[in-house]
Every structure is written in structure tokens, then in C-alpha cells.
């Protein structure tokens, strides 16, 4: 499981509207892709990573720690 900031670092639009494939999410607006594990962009036009967050599964519920990031990127 992975959690990342729902905001493209290139165009400031929601990433949750994009397609997910091969452990990447694609921004629906300009096609930037981000690695779900690291938040790093894997193609242009984005050049900056998005924040990734710790995720934990407890008793069937998913918990995301939005107070800290795994990759050191400060959420916008």
C-alpha cells in the first residue's frame, strides 16, 4: 500500500483522478507520472516529487500518517 499527496507538483491538480499502472500514477491533465513508492516523477512535464506518507493496515482499516512524510517532501 502506498499513499501520496493528491496534488501534481507540475500543475497543482488532483492526482486521484489519474490512472494507476505499473506502480505509477499519471496526472490526468498533462500526463506526468509519479512513482507510488517514492513520489518521484518518472516523466515530464513534472520535475519535482510529491510527498509520500507512511501507511499501516490495522484490523482491516487503512491508516495514513499525514503528519510525516517518507521522502522528505513537504506537502503543498
N, C-alpha and C. Protein backbone atom coordinates (compact mmCIF):
# COMPACT_ATOMS: atom_id res chain seq x y z
N UNK A 1 0.84 -1.18 0.00
CA UNK A 1 0.00 0.00 0.00
C UNK A 1 0.88 1.24 0.00
N UNK A 2 0.40 2.23 -0.71
CA UNK A 2 1.13 3.48 -0.82
C UNK A 2 0.16 4.64 -0.68
N UNK A 3 0.67 5.76 -0.16
CA UNK A 3 -0.13 6.98 -0.07
C UNK A 3 0.76 8.14 -0.47
N UNK A 4 0.24 8.98 -1.34
CA UNK A 4 0.99 10.17 -1.71
C UNK A 4 0.07 11.36 -1.81
N UNK A 5 0.67 12.52 -1.82
CA UNK A 5 -0.05 13.78 -1.87
C UNK A 5 -0.93 13.80 -3.12
N UNK A 6 -2.16 14.24 -2.97
CA UNK A 6 -3.12 14.27 -4.07
C UNK A 6 -3.03 15.60 -4.82
N UNK A 7 -1.81 15.96 -5.19
CA UNK A 7 -1.62 17.23 -5.89
C UNK A 7 -0.39 17.12 -6.78
N UNK A 8 -0.58 17.22 -8.07
CA UNK A 8 0.53 17.15 -9.01
C UNK A 8 1.50 18.30 -8.76
N UNK A 9 2.78 18.01 -8.72
CA UNK A 9 3.79 19.05 -8.48
C UNK A 9 3.99 19.95 -9.69
N UNK A 10 3.48 19.56 -10.83
CA UNK A 10 3.61 20.38 -12.03
C UNK A 10 2.45 21.35 -12.20
N UNK A 11 1.22 20.86 -12.05
CA UNK A 11 0.08 21.70 -12.38
C UNK A 11 -0.90 21.91 -11.24
N UNK A 12 -0.59 21.38 -10.06
CA UNK A 12 -1.44 21.56 -8.88
C UNK A 12 -2.88 21.10 -9.11
N UNK A 13 -3.04 19.94 -9.76
CA UNK A 13 -4.35 19.33 -9.93
C UNK A 13 -4.36 17.98 -9.22
N UNK A 14 -5.54 17.46 -8.97
CA UNK A 14 -5.70 16.23 -8.22
C UNK A 14 -5.14 15.02 -8.96
N UNK A 15 -4.22 14.30 -8.31
CA UNK A 15 -3.67 13.08 -8.90
C UNK A 15 -4.65 11.92 -8.78
N UNK A 16 -5.58 11.98 -7.85
CA UNK A 16 -6.51 10.86 -7.65
C UNK A 16 -7.44 10.67 -8.84
N UNK A 17 -7.47 11.62 -9.75
CA UNK A 17 -8.28 11.49 -10.96
C UNK A 17 -7.53 10.72 -12.05
N UNK A 18 -6.25 10.43 -11.82
CA UNK A 18 -5.42 9.80 -12.84
C UNK A 18 -5.46 8.29 -12.83
N UNK A 19 -4.86 7.71 -13.84
CA UNK A 19 -4.76 6.26 -13.99
C UNK A 19 -3.57 5.72 -13.20
N UNK A 20 -3.72 4.52 -12.63
CA UNK A 20 -2.64 3.85 -11.92
C UNK A 20 -2.25 2.60 -12.68
N UNK A 21 -0.95 2.45 -12.96
CA UNK A 21 -0.43 1.25 -13.63
C UNK A 21 1.06 1.15 -13.34
N UNK A 22 1.55 -0.07 -13.21
CA UNK A 22 2.98 -0.31 -13.01
C UNK A 22 3.58 0.50 -11.86
N UNK A 23 2.84 0.59 -10.75
CA UNK A 23 3.28 1.30 -9.54
C UNK A 23 3.52 2.80 -9.79
N UNK A 24 2.77 3.35 -10.74
CA UNK A 24 2.83 4.78 -11.05
C UNK A 24 1.42 5.33 -11.16
N UNK A 25 1.28 6.61 -10.86
CA UNK A 25 0.02 7.30 -11.11
C UNK A 25 0.28 8.39 -12.13
N UNK A 26 -0.64 8.53 -13.07
CA UNK A 26 -0.49 9.51 -14.13
C UNK A 26 -1.42 10.69 -13.88
N UNK A 27 -0.89 11.89 -13.95
CA UNK A 27 -1.70 13.10 -13.83
C UNK A 27 -2.57 13.21 -15.08
N UNK A 28 -3.84 13.39 -14.87
CA UNK A 28 -4.80 13.43 -15.98
C UNK A 28 -4.65 14.67 -16.86
N UNK A 29 -4.05 15.72 -16.34
CA UNK A 29 -4.00 16.98 -17.10
C UNK A 29 -2.90 17.01 -18.15
N UNK A 30 -1.66 16.74 -17.76
CA UNK A 30 -0.54 16.83 -18.69
C UNK A 30 0.24 15.53 -18.86
N UNK A 31 -0.16 14.47 -18.16
CA UNK A 31 0.48 13.18 -18.35
C UNK A 31 1.72 12.91 -17.52
N UNK A 32 2.05 13.79 -16.58
CA UNK A 32 3.17 13.49 -15.69
C UNK A 32 2.86 12.21 -14.94
N UNK A 33 3.88 11.42 -14.67
CA UNK A 33 3.71 10.20 -13.88
C UNK A 33 4.60 10.27 -12.64
N UNK A 34 4.11 9.65 -11.56
CA UNK A 34 4.83 9.63 -10.30
C UNK A 34 4.90 8.21 -9.78
N UNK A 35 6.07 7.82 -9.28
CA UNK A 35 6.26 6.51 -8.67
C UNK A 35 5.51 6.50 -7.34
N UNK A 36 4.61 5.55 -7.14
CA UNK A 36 3.83 5.48 -5.90
C UNK A 36 4.69 5.21 -4.68
N UNK A 37 5.83 4.55 -4.87
CA UNK A 37 6.70 4.19 -3.74
C UNK A 37 7.54 5.36 -3.26
N UNK A 38 7.97 6.23 -4.19
CA UNK A 38 8.92 7.29 -3.85
C UNK A 38 8.36 8.69 -4.03
N UNK A 39 7.31 8.84 -4.81
CA UNK A 39 6.76 10.16 -5.13
C UNK A 39 7.52 10.88 -6.23
N UNK A 40 8.61 10.28 -6.71
CA UNK A 40 9.42 10.94 -7.74
C UNK A 40 8.73 10.89 -9.10
N UNK A 41 8.87 11.98 -9.88
CA UNK A 41 8.31 11.96 -11.22
C UNK A 41 9.08 10.98 -12.11
N UNK A 42 8.37 10.28 -12.97
CA UNK A 42 9.02 9.33 -13.87
C UNK A 42 8.97 9.80 -15.32
N UNK A 43 8.30 10.92 -15.57
CA UNK A 43 8.35 11.56 -16.89
C UNK A 43 7.91 13.01 -16.79
N UNK A 44 8.18 13.76 -17.82
CA UNK A 44 7.84 15.19 -17.87
C UNK A 44 6.36 15.36 -18.15
N UNK A 45 5.80 16.51 -17.85
CA UNK A 45 6.49 17.75 -17.53
C UNK A 45 6.86 17.93 -16.06
N UNK A 46 6.40 17.08 -15.15
CA UNK A 46 6.77 17.23 -13.74
C UNK A 46 8.25 16.95 -13.53
N UNK A 47 8.88 17.74 -12.67
CA UNK A 47 10.29 17.56 -12.35
C UNK A 47 10.52 17.44 -10.84
N UNK A 48 9.48 17.71 -10.03
CA UNK A 48 9.61 17.64 -8.59
C UNK A 48 8.72 16.54 -8.02
N UNK A 49 9.20 15.89 -6.97
CA UNK A 49 8.46 14.80 -6.33
C UNK A 49 7.26 15.33 -5.57
N UNK A 50 6.32 14.44 -5.31
CA UNK A 50 5.20 14.74 -4.42
C UNK A 50 5.43 13.97 -3.12
N UNK A 51 4.84 14.44 -2.04
CA UNK A 51 5.04 13.82 -0.73
C UNK A 51 4.44 12.41 -0.69
N UNK A 52 5.15 11.50 -0.03
CA UNK A 52 4.65 10.16 0.25
C UNK A 52 4.50 10.00 1.76
N UNK A 53 3.52 9.21 2.17
CA UNK A 53 3.18 9.09 3.58
C UNK A 53 3.21 7.65 4.06
N UNK A 54 3.55 7.43 5.33
CA UNK A 54 3.51 6.08 5.90
C UNK A 54 2.08 5.55 5.94
N UNK A 55 1.92 4.27 5.61
CA UNK A 55 0.62 3.62 5.59
C UNK A 55 0.70 2.37 6.46
N UNK A 56 -0.39 2.13 7.20
CA UNK A 56 -0.44 0.95 8.06
C UNK A 56 -1.83 0.32 7.96
N UNK A 57 -1.87 -0.99 7.89
CA UNK A 57 -3.13 -1.73 7.89
C UNK A 57 -3.32 -2.31 9.29
N UNK A 58 -4.43 -1.90 9.96
CA UNK A 58 -4.75 -2.38 11.31
C UNK A 58 -6.18 -2.90 11.35
N UNK A 59 -6.33 -4.17 11.63
CA UNK A 59 -7.66 -4.77 11.75
C UNK A 59 -8.54 -4.47 10.53
N UNK A 60 -7.94 -4.51 9.36
CA UNK A 60 -8.69 -4.29 8.13
C UNK A 60 -8.90 -2.84 7.75
N UNK A 61 -8.43 -1.91 8.57
CA UNK A 61 -8.55 -0.49 8.28
C UNK A 61 -7.21 0.06 7.84
N UNK A 62 -7.23 1.01 6.92
CA UNK A 62 -6.01 1.64 6.41
C UNK A 62 -5.81 2.97 7.12
N UNK A 63 -4.62 3.14 7.69
CA UNK A 63 -4.27 4.39 8.37
C UNK A 63 -3.11 5.05 7.62
N UNK A 64 -3.25 6.34 7.35
CA UNK A 64 -2.21 7.12 6.69
C UNK A 64 -1.75 8.21 7.65
N UNK A 65 -0.46 8.26 7.90
CA UNK A 65 0.12 9.27 8.78
C UNK A 65 0.46 10.50 7.94
N UNK A 66 -0.45 11.47 7.91
CA UNK A 66 -0.22 12.66 7.09
C UNK A 66 0.62 13.72 7.80
N UNK A 67 1.03 13.43 9.03
CA UNK A 67 1.87 14.36 9.79
C UNK A 67 3.35 14.20 9.45
N UNK A 68 3.73 13.06 8.84
CA UNK A 68 5.13 12.87 8.48
C UNK A 68 5.19 12.31 7.07
N UNK A 69 6.31 12.55 6.40
CA UNK A 69 6.49 12.04 5.05
C UNK A 69 7.65 11.06 5.01
N UNK A 70 7.60 10.16 4.06
CA UNK A 70 8.66 9.18 3.91
C UNK A 70 9.82 9.70 3.08
N UNK A 71 9.54 10.62 2.19
CA UNK A 71 10.56 11.08 1.25
C UNK A 71 11.07 12.49 1.52
N UNK A 72 10.63 13.10 2.62
CA UNK A 72 11.13 14.42 2.99
C UNK A 72 10.53 15.58 2.23
N UNK A 73 9.58 15.32 1.34
CA UNK A 73 8.92 16.39 0.59
C UNK A 73 7.83 16.99 1.46
N UNK A 74 7.80 18.30 1.58
CA UNK A 74 6.77 18.98 2.35
C UNK A 74 5.52 19.10 1.51
N UNK A 75 4.38 18.60 2.01
CA UNK A 75 3.14 18.71 1.24
C UNK A 75 2.77 20.16 0.98
N UNK A 76 2.23 20.41 -0.20
CA UNK A 76 1.82 21.78 -0.55
C UNK A 76 0.52 22.14 0.14
